[in-house]
Amino acid sequence: MARGEKVGLVLAGGGARGAYEAAVLSVLLPALVYVLAVQFIGLYVASALYIALFMIILGKYSRVKSVIVAVCVVVLFFMMFEVWFKVPLFKGMFDPLRFLGY
């Protein structure tokens, strides 16, 4: 490989470092979106979306399996915190779970 090709590869973000950065960003950017989503739609709905999309996009699981797991995890956390421990978690500005009475 000529010297100019190496410089172009590094500037384009190629090679092992570029793959590492892409892997980090594929986790960091969805996490940032999740944090912002929690402010609006609350912890439970944002967590269900985050888990499901993470499983579908990065884990390559089927959509059905991903949604089932996400809903089960969020229902478990809801029951544990809201019902059993009586510790309300943040429901967001729009409070999409208002109909549950919690």
Protein backbone atom coordinates (compact mmCIF):
# COMPACT_ATOMS: atom_id res chain seq x y z
CA MET A 1 0.00 0.00 0.00
CA ALA A 2 1.39 3.40 -0.93
CA ARG A 3 1.84 6.11 1.66
CA GLY A 4 -0.94 8.26 0.19
CA GLU A 5 -3.40 5.39 0.38
CA LYS A 6 -2.72 4.95 4.10
CA VAL A 7 -3.36 8.63 4.77
CA GLY A 8 -6.61 8.47 2.83
CA LEU A 9 -7.67 5.35 4.71
CA VAL A 10 -7.00 6.98 8.10
CA LEU A 11 -8.75 10.23 7.13
CA ALA A 12 -11.77 8.32 5.86
CA GLY A 13 -12.04 6.55 9.21
CA GLY A 14 -11.16 3.16 7.78
CA GLY A 15 -9.19 0.38 9.33
CA ALA A 16 -9.47 -1.03 12.82
CA ARG A 17 -9.86 2.36 14.47
CA GLY A 18 -12.79 3.27 12.22
CA ALA A 19 -14.52 -0.01 13.02
CA TYR A 20 -14.01 0.61 16.73
CA GLU A 21 -15.41 4.13 16.49
CA ALA A 22 -18.42 2.89 14.53
CA ALA A 23 -19.09 0.25 17.19
CA VAL A 24 -18.88 2.83 19.96
CA LEU A 25 -21.19 5.23 18.13
CA SER A 26 -23.68 2.45 17.41
CA VAL A 27 -24.14 2.16 21.19
CA LEU A 28 -23.58 5.77 22.26
CA LEU A 29 -26.00 7.49 19.89
CA PRO A 30 -29.01 5.29 20.74
CA ALA A 31 -28.22 5.77 24.43
CA LEU A 32 -28.29 9.55 23.99
CA VAL A 33 -31.60 9.34 22.14
CA TYR A 34 -32.92 7.13 24.97
CA VAL A 35 -31.97 9.70 27.61
CA LEU A 36 -33.79 12.42 25.66
CA ALA A 37 -36.81 10.18 25.07
CA VAL A 38 -37.13 9.49 28.81
CA GLN A 39 -37.77 13.21 29.36
CA PHE A 40 -40.79 13.17 27.07
CA ILE A 41 -42.33 9.69 27.11
CA GLY A 42 -41.07 8.41 30.46
CA LEU A 43 -38.82 5.65 31.61
CA TYR A 44 -41.09 2.71 30.86
CA VAL A 45 -42.07 3.49 27.27
CA ALA A 46 -38.58 4.73 26.38
CA SER A 47 -37.04 1.59 27.87
CA ALA A 48 -39.36 -0.70 25.93
CA LEU A 49 -38.50 1.07 22.68
CA TYR A 50 -34.78 1.08 23.50
CA ILE A 51 -34.66 -2.61 24.35
CA ALA A 52 -36.71 -3.65 21.33
CA LEU A 53 -34.80 -1.52 18.82
CA PHE A 54 -31.45 -2.50 20.29
CA MET A 55 -32.34 -6.18 19.98
CA ILE A 56 -33.60 -5.76 16.41
CA ILE A 57 -30.83 -3.55 15.05
CA LEU A 58 -27.71 -4.68 16.91
CA GLY A 59 -28.76 -8.11 18.12
CA LYS A 60 -30.42 -9.21 14.87
CA TYR A 61 -33.33 -10.78 16.75
CA SER A 62 -36.76 -11.06 15.18
CA ARG A 63 -39.18 -8.20 15.71
CA VAL A 64 -41.71 -10.38 17.50
CA LYS A 65 -39.18 -11.80 19.94
CA SER A 66 -37.70 -8.34 20.56
CA VAL A 67 -41.05 -6.73 21.32
CA ILE A 68 -42.06 -9.61 23.60
CA VAL A 69 -38.83 -9.38 25.60
CA ALA A 70 -39.01 -5.57 25.80
CA VAL A 71 -42.60 -5.58 27.03
CA CYS A 72 -41.92 -8.35 29.56
CA VAL A 73 -38.90 -6.52 30.99
CA VAL A 74 -40.76 -3.23 31.28
CA VAL A 75 -43.83 -4.87 32.84
CA LEU A 76 -41.58 -6.62 35.36
CA PHE A 77 -39.89 -3.32 36.29
CA PHE A 78 -43.25 -1.54 36.47
CA MET A 79 -44.66 -4.19 38.80
CA MET A 80 -41.53 -4.22 40.93
CA PHE A 81 -41.16 -0.47 41.41
CA GLU A 82 -44.66 0.97 41.09
CA VAL A 83 -46.74 -1.82 42.60
CA TRP A 84 -44.56 -3.77 45.02
CA PHE A 85 -42.04 -1.17 46.25
CA LYS A 86 -44.40 1.83 45.82
CA VAL A 87 -41.53 3.83 44.29
CA PRO A 88 -42.76 5.88 41.34
CA LEU A 89 -40.30 6.27 38.51
CA PHE A 90 -40.30 9.17 36.06
CA LYS A 91 -43.19 8.93 33.61
CA GLY A 92 -42.23 11.81 31.33
CA MET A 93 -43.85 15.10 30.42
CA PHE A 94 -46.58 13.44 28.36
CA ASP A 95 -47.15 10.53 30.78
CA PRO A 96 -48.34 7.95 28.23
CA LEU A 97 -49.16 5.46 31.02
CA ARG A 98 -51.59 7.81 32.79
CA PHE A 99 -54.50 5.46 32.01
CA LEU A 100 -53.03 2.87 34.42
CA GLY A 101 -53.67 5.16 37.37
CA TYR A 102 -50.09 5.25 38.66
